């Protein structure tokens, strides 16, 4: 089953991202075309391979830019299906993800905050 990511707290309207079972991330609904990101383990890479430095790393409920060193502040926080900017879950989520789990939510955070 693929995951679909929506901007904000609602799943109404067209998804901004579709994540397939292989961890490939596509813009919008179609999965025909070139992936913009690749999920490999706890890391997210630009393009369709895991070559080079990661864009982001997920550790627990937090998403860090790059490899997320010890002194790095979280880029985003994942709480269930919701993605929040920064290190807390106050306020409205920046995205909601249906299906796919934590790494799909992390890829959505990367798309909205880093790309």
Protein backbone atom coordinates (compact mmCIF):
# COMPACT_ATOMS: atom_id res chain seq x y z
CA UNK A 1 0.00 0.00 0.00
CA UNK A 2 1.33 3.41 -0.85
CA UNK A 3 1.17 6.44 1.39
CA UNK A 4 -0.28 9.79 0.46
CA UNK A 5 0.72 13.08 2.06
CA UNK A 6 -1.53 16.12 2.30
CA UNK A 7 -0.64 19.70 3.23
CA UNK A 8 -2.07 20.81 6.59
CA UNK A 9 -4.32 18.89 8.95
CA UNK A 10 -6.86 17.67 6.38
CA UNK A 11 -6.78 14.84 3.85
CA UNK A 12 -9.19 16.72 1.60
CA UNK A 13 -8.01 17.45 -1.91
CA UNK A 14 -5.13 16.13 -3.95
CA UNK A 15 -2.08 14.73 -2.16
CA UNK A 16 1.22 16.62 -2.40
CA UNK A 17 3.24 13.39 -2.34
CA UNK A 18 2.79 9.68 -3.01
CA UNK A 19 5.23 7.20 -1.44
CA UNK A 20 5.32 3.68 -2.89
CA UNK A 21 6.19 0.40 -1.16
CA UNK A 22 9.81 0.60 -2.35
CA UNK A 23 10.37 3.91 -0.53
CA UNK A 24 10.30 6.03 -3.68
CA UNK A 25 8.65 9.43 -3.25
CA UNK A 26 6.76 11.11 -6.10
CA UNK A 27 5.17 14.55 -6.34
CA UNK A 28 1.37 14.50 -6.50
CA UNK A 29 -0.72 11.44 -7.25
CA UNK A 30 0.91 9.60 -10.15
CA UNK A 31 3.70 7.14 -9.49
CA UNK A 32 4.65 7.13 -13.14
CA UNK A 33 7.68 9.30 -13.59
CA UNK A 34 10.86 10.17 -11.78
CA UNK A 35 10.96 9.97 -7.98
CA UNK A 36 12.08 13.11 -6.19
CA UNK A 37 13.29 11.27 -3.05
CA UNK A 38 14.24 7.80 -1.90
CA UNK A 39 13.73 6.37 1.60
CA UNK A 40 16.47 3.98 2.67
CA UNK A 41 16.30 2.77 6.27
CA UNK A 42 16.11 5.84 8.53
CA UNK A 43 17.52 8.19 5.90
CA UNK A 44 16.02 10.14 3.01
CA UNK A 45 17.99 10.87 -0.16
CA UNK A 46 17.33 13.16 -3.12
CA UNK A 47 16.47 11.37 -6.36
CA UNK A 48 15.92 7.66 -6.84
CA UNK A 49 19.04 6.21 -5.19
CA UNK A 50 20.70 6.23 -1.80
CA UNK A 51 23.98 7.54 -3.20
CA UNK A 52 25.64 10.50 -1.50
CA UNK A 53 24.78 12.38 1.66
CA UNK A 54 21.22 12.06 3.00
CA UNK A 55 18.87 15.03 2.97
CA UNK A 56 17.53 13.98 6.36
CA UNK A 57 17.61 11.29 9.04
CA UNK A 58 14.67 10.17 11.21
CA UNK A 59 15.39 9.21 14.81
CA UNK A 60 12.36 8.19 16.80
CA UNK A 61 9.70 10.86 16.38
CA UNK A 62 12.17 13.51 15.18
CA UNK A 63 13.50 14.34 11.71
CA UNK A 64 16.97 15.93 11.45
CA UNK A 65 18.60 17.62 8.48
CA UNK A 66 21.48 15.61 7.02
CA UNK A 67 22.77 12.91 9.35
CA UNK A 68 21.47 14.72 12.43
CA UNK A 69 24.52 15.20 14.62
CA UNK A 70 24.37 15.34 18.41
CA UNK A 71 23.85 19.09 18.57
CA UNK A 72 21.32 19.30 15.74
CA UNK A 73 17.85 20.67 16.38
CA UNK A 74 14.99 18.63 14.93
CA UNK A 75 13.65 19.85 11.62
CA UNK A 76 10.25 18.26 12.31
CA UNK A 77 8.32 16.12 14.78
CA UNK A 78 6.11 13.19 13.79
CA UNK A 79 3.06 12.38 15.89
CA UNK A 80 0.97 9.56 14.42
CA UNK A 81 -0.22 10.71 10.98
CA UNK A 82 0.67 14.36 11.64
CA UNK A 83 3.90 16.22 10.86
CA UNK A 84 4.85 19.35 12.83
CA UNK A 85 7.59 21.84 12.13
CA UNK A 86 10.34 21.97 14.78
CA UNK A 87 10.69 20.00 17.98
CA UNK A 88 7.16 20.10 19.40
CA UNK A 89 3.58 19.29 18.49
CA UNK A 90 2.03 22.64 19.39
CA UNK A 91 -0.11 24.35 16.80
CA UNK A 92 -1.45 22.95 13.57
CA UNK A 93 0.41 20.23 11.68
CA UNK A 94 2.15 21.18 8.43
CA UNK A 95 1.06 17.87 6.86
CA UNK A 96 -1.00 14.73 7.36
CA UNK A 97 0.09 11.35 5.99
CA UNK A 98 -2.29 8.46 5.30
CA UNK A 99 -0.51 5.10 5.30
CA UNK A 100 3.19 4.39 5.15
CA UNK A 101 4.23 5.16 8.70
CA UNK A 102 7.02 7.22 10.21
CA UNK A 103 9.36 7.40 7.21
CA UNK A 104 6.59 8.56 4.88
CA UNK A 105 5.88 11.35 7.36
CA UNK A 106 9.62 12.15 7.52
CA UNK A 107 9.80 12.37 3.71
CA UNK A 108 6.85 14.77 3.78
CA UNK A 109 8.66 16.98 6.30
CA UNK A 110 11.74 17.02 4.06
CA UNK A 111 9.65 17.96 1.03
CA UNK A 112 7.90 20.84 2.80
CA UNK A 113 10.84 22.18 4.79
CA UNK A 114 13.96 21.49 2.72
CA UNK A 115 12.98 21.29 -0.95
